[in-house]
Amino acid sequence: MQQPREPELNFTQVKKEVNLVDLVLTLGYQHNRAKSGPDINKGKFHVFDYQGNPSLDQVIIYKAPSGDYLYFNRANDQDKGSVIDFLKHRIEHPRIAGIQATPGKNIWASIIENARRFLNLPAPSRANSPALKAAIPAVERGDQFIPDFLQKTTQLQDTRYLNSRGLTTETLTNGCFAGVILNHVHEGRTKDGQPYKFVNTAFPQLYNDKVVGLEIKAKGFKGQAANSQNSAALWLSNSGSKTRTLIISESAIDSLSHYQLRQPAYTMYASTSGNLTDNKVAEVRRLIDNRNLKTVKLAFDNDLQGHLFDTQLITGLSHASAPMRIERNLPGTLTVGIYSDQPQYFAQLREATRSYNEQVSNGYYQAGGAQATANTVLATELITAAVDAPNSYKFHVPKRLEALAFFNQALAQHYPMKVRLEMEKSRAHDWNDQLKESLRGQAVAAGQALEKFPISDLSKKDSAETIMKRGIRR
């Protein structure tokens, strides 16, 4: 006698019949009560650690206004959504027992098979948690999960570290930076049981207008708070309705230093926290669109890495009519690909690079003669260009400060960009170094000995200008 066929299962039925809370508990996730709001009855976001260990896997479950249980993963902003997404991501990225791909079937069929296996478990083997599910209220508009690291922050009060970097109270209390610089309190006990407490300086990192990370700095220390997701995040200053310019630096302290030195109007700042990823470039593009910005000034460090960041952001902000990308990043050479059906752009840039190459060659010829020029310059110092295919061009740029600085400027000048781009390089290595050099120069001009006026001794209540006017107390 033929066995009756098992009823077909579709995604709509999976979402209806497989409760996400029951599924994760059945798979071995444990509810982390300590991290799930003030208590089980109040928290809207509930944390579940696989086998009690968040380093193995962790999901945060909440109830949507529709009543559906959804989740997200702080370690991966692509890992979020419904029970279908939960199963799909763990089939594609195996890391827990109980979810695996079905041999011979595609990802969608595998999702159905894993859901069916859960539904077919005998009742004693399947978790059922009505009390926990009832204790998770639906989120409302404006609700946001509060990361653990934000619970350890306070408004900026202790400014000693920032003052030691030459930043004044006038700068730190400016409305441009209100609420975007925090103190982070770290408490614990030493090995012998003695309590300790550190008050550090913290810069919230935002992605899609939400705080997802925290950069922490103190004397001799810099790092990220635990569970920060900073791969796509930026630190941002405040902006206003008249803001039309964005200045991007590598650190928030460089942004603050630039403001103290230049004090530009109708401007906001962003920092990349020391690195620049493709996701951060995409976030800059989103910021430009959302804030209707017209000008972007690149204020990265005045070193090789800073100039490479310039190239990365320029290519990322190219106009849709002439898209660009960094195609190879070798130890000595950077290759930039440009695609455009307007050959005049390529001709203009190529002519500019020829002029640059001629100047470099002449300089080598004067210094070392024709033989030195032939043996040294052509291989390592000149910018070369070629037509790779119809409407496709390649530029090979030596990784030299002068070559990159010239090429970046020419690229922004001769090709259409999403916004107006300007280079804003400091005279020193970075903007904070330039600020400290400026303060030392003011001290010398006022007749004060440098050893009696180190930057770290700036009073957190007084600006450098005030000190210059009244002199040091003796």
Protein backbone atom coordinates (compact mmCIF):
# COMPACT_ATOMS: atom_id res chain seq x y z
CA MET A 1 0.00 0.00 0.00
CA GLN A 2 1.40 3.37 -0.98
CA GLN A 3 2.31 5.64 1.93
CA PRO A 4 0.43 8.96 1.98
CA ARG A 5 2.55 11.89 0.79
CA GLU A 6 3.73 14.39 3.36
CA PRO A 7 1.85 17.68 2.93
CA GLU A 8 3.75 20.37 1.05
CA LEU A 9 5.26 23.13 3.19
CA ASN A 10 5.72 26.66 1.86
CA PHE A 11 7.36 29.79 3.23
CA THR A 12 4.09 31.32 4.38
CA GLN A 13 3.37 28.22 6.45
CA VAL A 14 6.93 28.19 7.83
CA LYS A 15 6.56 31.78 9.06
CA LYS A 16 3.21 30.92 10.62
CA GLU A 17 4.08 27.58 12.22
CA VAL A 18 7.77 27.92 13.19
CA ASN A 19 8.09 30.37 16.04
CA LEU A 20 11.58 31.91 16.05
CA VAL A 21 11.87 31.93 19.86
CA ASP A 22 10.95 28.25 20.13
CA LEU A 23 13.28 27.38 17.24
CA VAL A 24 16.41 28.99 18.71
CA LEU A 25 15.76 27.48 22.15
CA THR A 26 15.31 24.05 20.57
CA LEU A 27 18.58 24.47 18.66
CA GLY A 28 20.52 25.16 21.87
CA TYR A 29 20.46 28.95 22.19
CA GLN A 30 20.07 30.21 25.76
CA HIS A 31 18.11 33.29 26.75
CA ASN A 32 20.49 35.88 28.23
CA ARG A 33 18.27 37.52 30.82
CA ALA A 34 21.00 39.89 32.00
CA LYS A 35 21.23 41.49 28.55
CA SER A 36 17.53 41.49 27.73
CA GLY A 37 16.38 44.82 29.13
CA PRO A 38 15.84 45.74 32.80
CA ASP A 39 14.02 42.43 33.36
CA ILE A 40 12.19 39.78 31.40
CA ASN A 41 8.88 41.65 31.59
CA LYS A 42 10.20 44.99 30.33
CA GLY A 43 12.76 44.29 27.67
CA LYS A 44 11.63 44.61 24.05
CA PHE A 45 14.88 43.17 22.68
CA HIS A 46 15.91 39.74 23.93
CA VAL A 47 19.38 38.28 23.54
CA PHE A 48 20.00 34.58 22.85
CA ASP A 49 23.51 33.06 23.00
CA TYR A 50 24.24 29.76 21.28
CA GLN A 51 25.10 27.21 24.00
CA GLY A 52 25.40 30.18 26.34
CA ASN A 53 28.44 31.49 24.43
CA PRO A 54 27.95 34.70 22.38
CA SER A 55 31.23 34.12 20.53
CA LEU A 56 29.70 31.00 18.93
CA ASP A 57 26.59 32.85 17.77
CA GLN A 58 24.22 35.44 19.16
CA VAL A 59 20.87 36.70 17.92
CA ILE A 60 18.61 39.43 19.26
CA ILE A 61 14.89 38.72 18.87
CA TYR A 62 12.07 41.23 18.98
CA LYS A 63 8.41 41.36 18.02
CA ALA A 64 7.42 43.54 15.08
CA PRO A 65 4.25 45.66 15.25
CA SER A 66 2.67 43.02 12.99
CA GLY A 67 3.22 40.39 15.71
CA ASP A 68 5.94 38.52 13.79
CA TYR A 69 9.11 37.61 15.67
CA LEU A 70 12.18 39.00 13.92
CA TYR A 71 15.88 39.01 14.75
CA PHE A 72 19.21 40.68 14.03
CA ASN A 73 22.85 39.92 14.72
CA ARG A 74 25.13 42.70 16.00
CA ALA A 75 28.18 40.94 14.53
CA ASN A 76 26.79 40.94 10.98
CA ASP A 77 24.35 43.51 9.66
CA GLN A 78 23.39 41.13 6.83
CA ASP A 79 22.16 38.52 9.32
CA LYS A 80 18.64 39.72 10.15
CA GLY A 81 14.97 39.28 9.30
CA SER A 82 12.39 36.51 9.74
CA VAL A 83 12.71 32.84 10.63
CA ILE A 84 13.31 32.20 6.92
CA ASP A 85 16.32 34.53 6.96
CA PHE A 86 17.59 32.90 10.16
CA LEU A 87 17.58 29.47 8.55
CA LYS A 88 18.98 30.69 5.21
CA HIS A 89 21.94 32.52 6.76
CA ARG A 90 22.94 29.52 8.89
CA ILE A 91 22.65 27.11 5.99
CA GLU A 92 24.89 29.36 3.90
CA HIS A 93 27.28 30.01 6.81
CA PRO A 94 27.30 26.79 8.90
CA ARG A 95 28.20 27.38 12.53
CA ILE A 96 25.65 25.60 14.70
CA ALA A 97 24.46 22.02 15.00
CA GLY A 98 20.91 21.29 13.85
CA ILE A 99 20.86 23.43 10.69
CA GLN A 100 22.54 22.20 7.55
CA ALA A 101 22.11 22.12 3.79
CA THR A 102 20.08 19.27 2.30
CA PRO A 103 22.20 17.27 -0.17
CA GLY A 104 21.03 17.65 -3.74
CA LYS A 105 18.68 20.56 -3.00
CA ASN A 106 19.05 24.28 -3.44
CA ILE A 107 19.03 26.81 -0.60
CA TRP A 108 15.27 27.39 -0.68
CA ALA A 109 14.45 23.69 -0.56
CA SER A 110 16.99 23.30 2.26
CA ILE A 111 15.17 25.97 4.27
CA ILE A 112 11.90 24.04 3.89
CA GLU A 113 13.60 20.77 4.92
CA ASN A 114 15.12 22.30 8.05
CA ALA A 115 11.78 23.82 9.02
CA ARG A 116 10.04 20.47 8.41
CA ARG A 117 12.58 18.68 10.60
CA PHE A 118 11.82 21.09 13.45
CA LEU A 119 8.05 20.70 13.05
CA ASN A 120 8.35 16.89 13.01
CA LEU A 121 10.24 16.74 16.31
CA PRO A 122 8.32 15.02 19.09
CA ALA A 123 6.82 17.44 21.60
CA PRO A 124 9.34 16.68 24.40
CA SER A 125 12.24 17.56 22.08
CA ARG A 126 10.80 20.84 20.89
CA ALA A 127 10.94 23.95 23.06
CA ASN A 128 7.69 25.74 23.82
CA SER A 129 8.06 29.00 25.69
CA PRO A 130 4.70 30.79 25.96
CA ALA A 131 5.74 32.87 28.98
CA LEU A 132 8.86 34.20 27.27
CA LYS A 133 7.03 34.93 24.03
CA ALA A 134 4.30 36.77 25.91
CA ALA A 135 6.92 38.82 27.76
CA ILE A 136 8.32 40.27 24.52
CA PRO A 137 6.15 43.29 23.64
CA ALA A 138 5.95 44.61 20.09
CA VAL A 139 8.42 47.36 19.28
CA GLU A 140 7.11 50.80 18.42
CA ARG A 141 8.30 53.42 16.01
CA GLY A 142 11.53 54.93 17.36
CA ASP A 143 12.49 51.93 19.50
CA GLN A 144 16.14 51.03 19.10
CA PHE A 145 18.23 48.30 20.65
CA ILE A 146 20.65 49.87 23.13
CA PRO A 147 24.04 48.17 22.86
CA ASP A 148 25.79 47.25 26.09
CA PHE A 149 28.59 49.73 25.45
CA LEU A 150 26.18 52.70 25.39
CA GLN A 151 24.90 51.73 28.82
CA LYS A 152 28.39 52.46 30.13
CA THR A 153 28.60 55.98 28.68
CA THR A 154 27.84 59.39 30.14
CA GLN A 155 27.71 62.89 28.74
CA LEU A 156 31.14 64.46 28.26
CA GLN A 157 32.36 65.87 31.57
CA ASP A 158 35.91 64.61 31.94
CA THR A 159 37.82 66.42 29.18
CA ARG A 160 41.36 65.93 30.47
CA TYR A 161 42.39 63.61 27.64
CA LEU A 162 41.00 65.92 24.96
CA ASN A 163 42.64 68.92 26.61
CA SER A 164 45.95 67.06 26.56
CA ARG A 165 45.57 66.89 22.77
CA GLY A 166 45.30 70.69 22.60
CA LEU A 167 41.51 70.90 22.33
CA THR A 168 39.86 73.71 24.25
CA THR A 169 36.60 74.01 26.12
CA GLU A 170 35.33 76.42 23.47
CA THR A 171 35.79 73.75 20.84
CA LEU A 172 34.35 70.88 22.88
CA THR A 173 31.25 72.83 23.91
CA ASN A 174 30.50 74.11 20.42
CA GLY A 175 27.05 73.07 19.22
CA CYS A 176 28.61 71.26 16.28
CA PHE A 177 29.87 68.60 18.73
CA ALA A 178 27.11 68.57 21.36
CA GLY A 179 26.24 65.01 22.35
CA VAL A 180 28.62 63.33 19.90
CA ILE A 181 31.55 63.06 22.32
CA LEU A 182 31.01 60.94 25.42
CA ASN A 183 32.79 59.58 28.45
CA HIS A 184 33.00 55.82 28.73
CA VAL A 185 33.29 54.38 32.23
CA HIS A 186 35.25 51.16 32.66
CA GLU A 187 35.16 49.55 36.09
CA GLY A 188 36.56 46.30 37.41
CA ARG A 189 38.83 44.68 39.96
CA THR A 190 42.51 43.88 39.89
CA LYS A 191 43.85 40.37 40.43
CA ASP A 192 44.18 41.11 44.14
CA GLY A 193 40.57 42.27 44.34
CA GLN A 194 41.12 46.03 44.39
CA PRO A 195 38.46 48.03 42.52
CA TYR A 196 39.48 50.38 39.72
CA LYS A 197 37.68 52.85 37.51
CA PHE A 198 38.75 54.51 34.25
CA VAL A 199 36.89 57.35 32.56
CA ASN A 200 37.79 57.33 28.87
CA THR A 201 36.75 59.46 25.92
CA ALA A 202 34.33 57.85 23.46
CA PHE A 203 33.10 58.70 19.97
CA PRO A 204 29.81 57.06 18.86
CA GLN A 205 29.90 55.52 15.38
CA LEU A 206 26.75 55.66 13.29
CA TYR A 207 25.44 53.57 10.44
CA ASN A 208 22.17 54.50 8.77
CA ASP A 209 21.61 57.10 11.53
CA LYS A 210 21.87 54.54 14.35
CA VAL A 211 24.70 54.08 16.85
CA VAL A 212 26.35 50.73 16.13
CA GLY A 213 29.85 51.24 17.53
CA LEU A 214 31.99 53.17 19.93
CA GLU A 215 35.60 54.28 19.47
CA ILE A 216 37.34 54.63 22.84
CA LYS A 217 40.47 56.68 23.48
CA ALA A 218 42.63 57.47 26.47
CA LYS A 219 46.28 58.28 27.05
CA GLY A 220 48.22 55.36 25.58
CA PHE A 221 45.08 53.51 24.52
CA LYS A 222 42.70 53.41 21.58
CA GLY A 223 40.24 50.74 20.58
CA GLN A 224 36.66 49.72 19.94
CA ALA A 225 34.04 48.86 22.52
CA ALA A 226 33.04 45.20 22.60
CA ASN A 227 30.31 44.34 20.05
CA SER A 228 30.97 47.46 17.98
CA GLN A 229 30.07 47.15 14.31
CA ASN A 230 32.31 49.77 12.80
CA SER A 231 33.00 48.27 9.37
CA ALA A 232 30.39 50.56 7.78
CA ALA A 233 30.05 53.23 10.48
CA LEU A 234 31.20 56.85 10.72
CA TRP A 235 31.58 59.29 13.58
CA LEU A 236 29.56 62.38 12.70
CA SER A 237 29.29 65.89 14.08
CA ASN A 238 25.97 67.69 14.16
CA SER A 239 24.64 69.52 11.13
CA GLY A 240 22.05 72.19 10.41
CA SER A 241 19.61 73.13 7.68
CA LYS A 242 22.29 75.29 6.02
CA THR A 243 25.03 72.65 6.14
CA ARG A 244 26.37 72.02 2.64
CA THR A 245 29.96 70.89 3.25
CA LEU A 246 31.33 67.64 4.70
CA ILE A 247 34.92 67.35 5.93
CA ILE A 248 36.19 63.78 6.32
CA SER A 249 39.21 62.87 8.45
CA GLU A 250 40.69 59.68 9.83
CA SER A 251 39.84 60.43 13.48
CA ALA A 252 37.35 62.47 15.44
CA ILE A 253 40.24 64.22 17.19
CA ASP A 254 41.54 65.35 13.79
CA SER A 255 38.07 66.70 13.02
CA LEU A 256 37.96 68.61 16.30
CA SER A 257 41.48 69.93 15.66
CA HIS A 258 40.56 71.08 12.17
CA TYR A 259 37.55 72.94 13.54
CA GLN A 260 39.64 74.65 16.23
CA LEU A 261 42.13 75.78 13.58
CA ARG A 262 39.71 76.75 10.79
CA GLN A 263 36.21 77.10 12.32
CA PRO A 264 34.37 76.76 9.00
CA ALA A 265 30.70 77.74 8.72
CA TYR A 266 27.83 75.53 7.47
CA THR A 267 30.05 72.47 7.73
CA MET A 268 29.78 69.05 9.33
CA TYR A 269 32.53 66.54 10.08
CA ALA A 270 32.89 62.80 9.66
CA SER A 271 35.69 60.48 10.69
CA THR A 272 36.41 56.95 9.54
CA SER A 273 38.09 55.82 12.79
CA GLY A 274 41.39 55.10 11.10
CA ASN A 275 40.25 52.91 8.22
CA LEU A 276 38.17 53.28 5.08
CA THR A 277 36.09 50.36 3.81
CA ASP A 278 33.85 50.11 0.78
CA ASN A 279 30.89 50.05 3.18
CA LYS A 280 32.04 53.35 4.70
CA VAL A 281 32.31 54.87 1.23
CA ALA A 282 28.73 53.75 0.59
CA GLU A 283 27.67 55.36 3.88
CA VAL A 284 29.33 58.62 2.79
CA ARG A 285 27.33 58.48 -0.44
CA ARG A 286 24.12 57.97 1.52
CA LEU A 287 25.02 60.85 3.82
CA ILE A 288 25.59 63.15 0.84
CA ASP A 289 22.17 62.31 -0.59
CA ASN A 290 20.26 62.54 2.69
CA ARG A 291 21.85 65.83 3.82
CA ASN A 292 21.90 67.41 0.33
CA LEU A 293 25.62 68.13 0.63
CA LYS A 294 27.36 69.95 -2.20
CA THR A 295 31.06 69.81 -1.26
CA VAL A 296 33.22 67.13 0.33
CA LYS A 297 36.70 68.00 1.62
CA LEU A 298 39.13 65.13 2.11
CA ALA A 299 41.18 65.84 5.25
CA PHE A 300 42.90 62.49 5.70
CA ASP A 301 46.42 62.30 7.13
CA ASN A 302 49.27 63.75 5.11
CA ASP A 303 50.99 60.40 4.61
CA LEU A 304 50.89 57.57 2.09
CA GLN A 305 47.86 55.90 3.65
CA GLY A 306 45.99 59.19 3.78
CA HIS A 307 46.56 59.76 0.05
CA LEU A 308 45.42 56.20 -0.67
CA PHE A 309 42.22 56.94 1.28
CA ASP A 310 41.79 60.00 -0.94
CA THR A 311 41.95 57.79 -4.05
CA GLN A 312 39.52 55.30 -2.54
CA LEU A 313 36.95 57.96 -1.72
CA ILE A 314 37.37 59.84 -5.01
CA THR A 315 36.73 56.67 -7.00
CA GLY A 316 33.80 55.86 -4.71
CA LEU A 317 32.25 59.29 -5.29
CA SER A 318 32.64 59.29 -9.06
CA HIS A 319 29.61 60.23 -11.10
CA ALA A 320 27.47 57.45 -12.54
CA SER A 321 28.44 58.58 -16.05
CA ALA A 322 32.11 57.70 -15.38
CA PRO A 323 32.33 54.98 -12.70
CA MET A 324 35.74 54.18 -11.25
CA ARG A 325 37.28 51.58 -9.00
CA ILE A 326 40.63 50.56 -7.57
CA GLU A 327 41.35 47.36 -9.46
CA ARG A 328 44.74 46.41 -7.99
CA ASN A 329 46.55 47.54 -4.88
CA LEU A 330 50.08 46.19 -5.15
CA PRO A 331 53.00 47.05 -2.83
CA GLY A 332 54.38 49.70 -5.18
CA THR A 333 51.56 50.53 -7.59
CA LEU A 334 47.87 51.41 -7.51
CA THR A 335 45.75 50.61 -10.57
CA VAL A 336 42.58 52.65 -11.10
CA GLY A 337 40.02 51.59 -13.69
CA ILE A 338 37.74 54.20 -15.27
CA TYR A 339 34.75 53.51 -17.51
CA SER A 340 33.28 56.28 -19.66
CA ASP A 341 31.93 56.83 -23.15
CA GLN A 342 33.35 60.38 -23.06
CA PRO A 343 36.95 60.00 -24.30
CA GLN A 344 37.72 63.68 -23.73
CA TYR A 345 37.88 63.01 -19.96
CA PHE A 346 40.57 60.38 -20.50
CA ALA A 347 42.46 62.65 -22.91
CA GLN A 348 42.49 65.51 -20.39
CA LEU A 349 43.69 63.33 -17.54
CA ARG A 350 46.30 61.62 -19.69
CA GLU A 351 47.66 64.99 -20.84
CA ALA A 352 47.89 66.11 -17.21
CA THR A 353 49.82 62.96 -16.23
CA ARG A 354 52.20 63.46 -19.17
CA SER A 355 53.00 66.93 -17.87
CA TYR A 356 53.60 65.48 -14.39
CA ASN A 357 55.84 62.73 -15.78
CA GLU A 358 57.86 65.27 -17.73
CA GLN A 359 58.49 67.34 -14.59
CA VAL A 360 59.54 64.25 -12.62
CA SER A 361 61.85 63.08 -15.41
CA ASN A 362 63.46 66.51 -15.73
CA GLY A 363 64.05 66.58 -11.99
CA TYR A 364 65.79 63.21 -12.09
CA TYR A 365 67.79 64.19 -15.14
CA GLN A 366 69.09 67.31 -13.40
CA ALA A 367 69.95 65.33 -10.29
CA GLY A 368 71.43 62.17 -11.74
CA GLY A 369 71.77 62.40 -15.50
CA ALA A 370 70.02 60.63 -18.35
CA GLN A 371 71.17 57.14 -17.32
CA ALA A 372 69.75 57.51 -13.81
CA THR A 373 66.51 58.75 -15.28
CA ALA A 374 66.19 55.79 -17.61
CA ASN A 375 67.07 53.19 -15.01
CA THR A 376 65.13 54.58 -12.06
CA VAL A 377 62.29 56.89 -12.97
CA LEU A 378 60.46 55.00 -15.69
CA ALA A 379 60.01 51.89 -13.59
CA THR A 380 59.00 53.38 -10.29
CA GLU A 381 58.02 57.04 -10.49
CA LEU A 382 55.87 57.72 -13.56
CA ILE A 383 52.10 57.48 -13.94
CA THR A 384 51.18 55.31 -16.94
CA ALA A 385 47.85 55.04 -18.73
CA ALA A 386 46.31 52.78 -21.34
CA VAL A 387 43.04 52.06 -23.13
CA ASP A 388 42.07 48.67 -21.76
CA ALA A 389 38.97 48.16 -23.94
CA PRO A 390 36.36 50.38 -25.58
CA ASN A 391 35.34 52.98 -22.98
CA SER A 392 37.67 51.36 -20.43
CA TYR A 393 40.86 53.02 -19.19
CA LYS A 394 43.56 52.04 -16.74
CA PHE A 395 45.92 54.30 -14.80
CA HIS A 396 48.89 52.81 -12.95
CA VAL A 397 50.01 55.18 -10.19
CA PRO A 398 53.23 54.76 -8.16
CA LYS A 399 52.64 54.65 -4.42
CA ARG A 400 54.52 57.88 -3.80
CA LEU A 401 53.13 60.87 -1.94
CA GLU A 402 53.76 63.25 -4.84
CA ALA A 403 52.33 60.92 -7.48
CA LEU A 404 49.19 60.10 -5.51
CA ALA A 405 48.62 63.73 -4.51
CA PHE A 406 48.87 64.84 -8.15
CA PHE A 407 46.73 62.01 -9.50
CA ASN A 408 43.97 62.49 -6.92
CA GLN A 409 43.77 66.20 -7.64
CA ALA A 410 43.73 65.62 -11.40
CA LEU A 411 41.14 62.85 -11.10
CA ALA A 412 38.74 65.07 -9.18
CA GLN A 413 39.37 67.93 -11.62
CA HIS A 414 39.01 66.16 -14.97
CA TYR A 415 36.24 63.62 -14.31
CA PRO A 416 32.64 64.29 -13.18
CA MET A 417 32.02 63.61 -9.49
CA LYS A 418 28.93 63.12 -7.37
CA VAL A 419 29.80 66.31 -5.46
CA ARG A 420 32.52 68.92 -5.57
CA LEU A 421 35.68 67.39 -4.12
CA GLU A 422 38.54 69.29 -2.51
CA MET A 423 41.79 68.14 -0.89
CA GLU A 424 42.30 69.54 2.63
CA LYS A 425 45.73 68.35 3.73
CA SER A 426 47.38 69.44 6.97
CA ARG A 427 50.90 70.87 6.95
CA ALA A 428 51.88 68.36 9.65
CA HIS A 429 51.26 64.62 9.64
CA ASP A 430 47.64 65.13 10.71
CA TRP A 431 45.37 67.92 11.91
CA ASN A 432 45.99 67.29 15.60
CA ASP A 433 49.74 67.55 15.04
CA GLN A 434 49.18 70.81 13.21
CA LEU A 435 47.04 72.10 16.09
CA LYS A 436 49.75 71.28 18.64
CA GLU A 437 52.41 72.90 16.46
CA SER A 438 50.23 76.00 16.26
CA LEU A 439 49.84 76.13 20.04
CA ARG A 440 53.57 75.71 20.54
CA GLY A 441 54.17 78.53 18.08
CA GLN A 442 51.78 80.76 20.02
CA ALA A 443 53.66 79.93 23.21
CA VAL A 444 57.00 80.85 21.62
CA ALA A 445 55.56 84.09 20.25
CA ALA A 446 54.36 84.96 23.75
CA GLY A 447 57.89 84.45 25.09
CA GLN A 448 57.07 81.30 27.04
CA ALA A 449 59.47 78.40 27.32
CA LEU A 450 58.16 75.25 25.68
CA GLU A 451 59.13 73.08 28.61
CA LYS A 452 56.98 75.27 30.86
CA PHE A 453 54.00 75.05 28.54
CA PRO A 454 53.57 71.51 27.21
CA ILE A 455 50.37 70.88 25.33
CA SER A 456 49.24 68.37 27.97
CA ASP A 457 49.12 71.16 30.57
CA LEU A 458 46.39 73.14 28.84
CA SER A 459 43.71 73.87 31.42
CA LYS A 460 40.40 72.26 30.57
CA LYS A 461 38.73 75.49 31.68
CA ASP A 462 40.84 77.86 29.61
CA SER A 463 41.45 78.21 25.90
CA ALA A 464 44.96 78.62 24.54
CA GLU A 465 44.06 82.16 23.45
CA THR A 466 43.10 83.13 27.01
CA ILE A 467 46.33 81.72 28.39
CA MET A 468 48.34 83.64 25.82
CA LYS A 469 46.71 86.90 26.81
CA ARG A 470 47.23 86.65 30.54
CA GLY A 471 50.38 84.52 30.65
CA ILE A 472 51.25 81.59 32.87
CA ARG A 473 50.78 81.95 36.58
CA ARG A 474 54.07 81.92 38.47
